[in-house]
């Protein structure tokens, strides 16, 4: 019985670790595409903060050179 509990805990740990790694890997390949609105064009970029989290941000191509940011969904 004790061996079954240990084996179950190890299996659960491997499954959770694998799922977390796949999720992290998926986020590392995000796309922040450029787009246009009626009066402006925005260039998309990916940035990583000090905690390793990825974010999108967009720079306006022309004056007033605004910045938009977002978290990938």
C-alpha atoms as a PDB file:
ATOM      1  CA  UNK A   1       0.000   0.000   0.000  1.00  0.00           C
ATOM      2  CA  UNK A   2       2.806   2.395   0.907  1.00  0.00           C
ATOM      3  CA  UNK A   3       4.547   1.708  -2.416  1.00  0.00           C
ATOM      4  CA  UNK A   4       1.339   2.477  -4.333  1.00  0.00           C
ATOM      5  CA  UNK A   5       1.013   5.868  -2.605  1.00  0.00           C
ATOM      6  CA  UNK A   6       4.628   6.750  -3.391  1.00  0.00           C
ATOM      7  CA  UNK A   7       4.241   5.619  -7.004  1.00  0.00           C
ATOM      8  CA  UNK A   8       1.007   7.640  -7.327  1.00  0.00           C
ATOM      9  CA  UNK A   9       2.678  10.755  -5.887  1.00  0.00           C
ATOM     10  CA  UNK A  10       5.635  10.437  -8.266  1.00  0.00           C
ATOM     11  CA  UNK A  11       3.307   9.943 -11.242  1.00  0.00           C
ATOM     12  CA  UNK A  12       1.199  12.954 -10.268  1.00  0.00           C
ATOM     13  CA  UNK A  13       4.345  15.068  -9.879  1.00  0.00           C
ATOM     14  CA  UNK A  14       5.561  14.054 -13.333  1.00  0.00           C
ATOM     15  CA  UNK A  15       2.201  14.884 -14.919  1.00  0.00           C
ATOM     16  CA  UNK A  16       1.971  18.295 -13.235  1.00  0.00           C
ATOM     17  CA  UNK A  17       5.584  19.099 -14.124  1.00  0.00           C
ATOM     18  CA  UNK A  18       5.055  18.110 -17.747  1.00  0.00           C
ATOM     19  CA  UNK A  19       1.879  20.218 -18.024  1.00  0.00           C
ATOM     20  CA  UNK A  20       3.587  23.259 -16.471  1.00  0.00           C
ATOM     21  CA  UNK A  21       6.538  22.925 -18.848  1.00  0.00           C
ATOM     22  CA  UNK A  22       4.241  22.674 -21.888  1.00  0.00           C
ATOM     23  CA  UNK A  23       2.343  25.788 -20.759  1.00  0.00           C
ATOM     24  CA  UNK A  24       5.607  27.722 -20.301  1.00  0.00           C
ATOM     25  CA  UNK A  25       6.832  26.525 -23.699  1.00  0.00           C
ATOM     26  CA  UNK A  26       3.567  27.641 -25.309  1.00  0.00           C
ATOM     27  CA  UNK A  27       3.929  31.151 -23.851  1.00  0.00           C
ATOM     28  CA  UNK A  28       7.494  31.479 -25.130  1.00  0.00           C
ATOM     29  CA  UNK A  29       6.204  31.377 -28.703  1.00  0.00           C
ATOM     30  CA  UNK A  30       3.597  34.091 -28.522  1.00  0.00           C
ATOM     31  CA  UNK A  31       3.013  36.472 -31.379  1.00  0.00           C
ATOM     32  CA  UNK A  32       2.347  40.169 -30.998  1.00  0.00           C
ATOM     33  CA  UNK A  33       1.266  41.024 -34.510  1.00  0.00           C
ATOM     34  CA  UNK A  34       1.318  44.525 -35.909  1.00  0.00           C
ATOM     35  CA  UNK A  35      -2.030  46.037 -36.832  1.00  0.00           C
ATOM     36  CA  UNK A  36      -3.683  49.171 -38.180  1.00  0.00           C
ATOM     37  CA  UNK A  37      -6.602  51.208 -36.889  1.00  0.00           C
ATOM     38  CA  UNK A  38      -8.473  53.923 -38.738  1.00  0.00           C
ATOM     39  CA  UNK A  39      -5.882  56.624 -37.988  1.00  0.00           C
ATOM     40  CA  UNK A  40      -2.707  54.809 -36.892  1.00  0.00           C
ATOM     41  CA  UNK A  41      -0.405  51.847 -37.454  1.00  0.00           C
ATOM     42  CA  UNK A  42       0.963  49.807 -34.534  1.00  0.00           C
ATOM     43  CA  UNK A  43       4.110  47.619 -34.541  1.00  0.00           C
ATOM     44  CA  UNK A  44       3.943  44.650 -32.144  1.00  0.00           C
ATOM     45  CA  UNK A  45       6.828  43.441 -29.950  1.00  0.00           C
ATOM     46  CA  UNK A  46       7.345  40.818 -27.228  1.00  0.00           C
ATOM     47  CA  UNK A  47       9.011  41.751 -23.936  1.00  0.00           C
ATOM     48  CA  UNK A  48      10.030  39.688 -20.891  1.00  0.00           C
ATOM     49  CA  UNK A  49       9.854  41.264 -17.437  1.00  0.00           C
ATOM     50  CA  UNK A  50      12.218  40.626 -14.508  1.00  0.00           C
ATOM     51  CA  UNK A  51      10.080  37.643 -13.425  1.00  0.00           C
ATOM     52  CA  UNK A  52      10.339  35.972 -16.823  1.00  0.00           C
ATOM     53  CA  UNK A  53       6.736  36.666 -17.833  1.00  0.00           C
ATOM     54  CA  UNK A  54       6.152  37.521 -21.477  1.00  0.00           C
ATOM     55  CA  UNK A  55       4.075  40.515 -22.531  1.00  0.00           C
ATOM     56  CA  UNK A  56       3.077  42.169 -25.769  1.00  0.00           C
ATOM     57  CA  UNK A  57       3.464  45.842 -26.424  1.00  0.00           C
ATOM     58  CA  UNK A  58       2.750  47.956 -29.461  1.00  0.00           C
ATOM     59  CA  UNK A  59       4.476  51.148 -30.586  1.00  0.00           C
ATOM     60  CA  UNK A  60       2.631  53.587 -32.775  1.00  0.00           C
ATOM     61  CA  UNK A  61       4.497  54.109 -36.022  1.00  0.00           C
ATOM     62  CA  UNK A  62       3.797  57.853 -36.303  1.00  0.00           C
ATOM     63  CA  UNK A  63       3.339  60.870 -34.034  1.00  0.00           C
ATOM     64  CA  UNK A  64       2.245  60.953 -31.151  1.00  0.00           C
ATOM     65  CA  UNK A  65       4.154  57.598 -30.813  1.00  0.00           C
ATOM     66  CA  UNK A  66       1.923  56.114 -28.154  1.00  0.00           C
ATOM     67  CA  UNK A  67       2.530  52.744 -26.510  1.00  0.00           C
ATOM     68  CA  UNK A  68      -0.047  50.019 -25.802  1.00  0.00           C
ATOM     69  CA  UNK A  69       0.639  46.950 -23.714  1.00  0.00           C
ATOM     70  CA  UNK A  70      -1.088  43.695 -22.966  1.00  0.00           C
ATOM     71  CA  UNK A  71      -0.739  40.206 -21.565  1.00  0.00           C
ATOM     72  CA  UNK A  72      -1.081  37.374 -24.073  1.00  0.00           C
ATOM     73  CA  UNK A  73      -4.283  35.402 -23.740  1.00  0.00           C
END
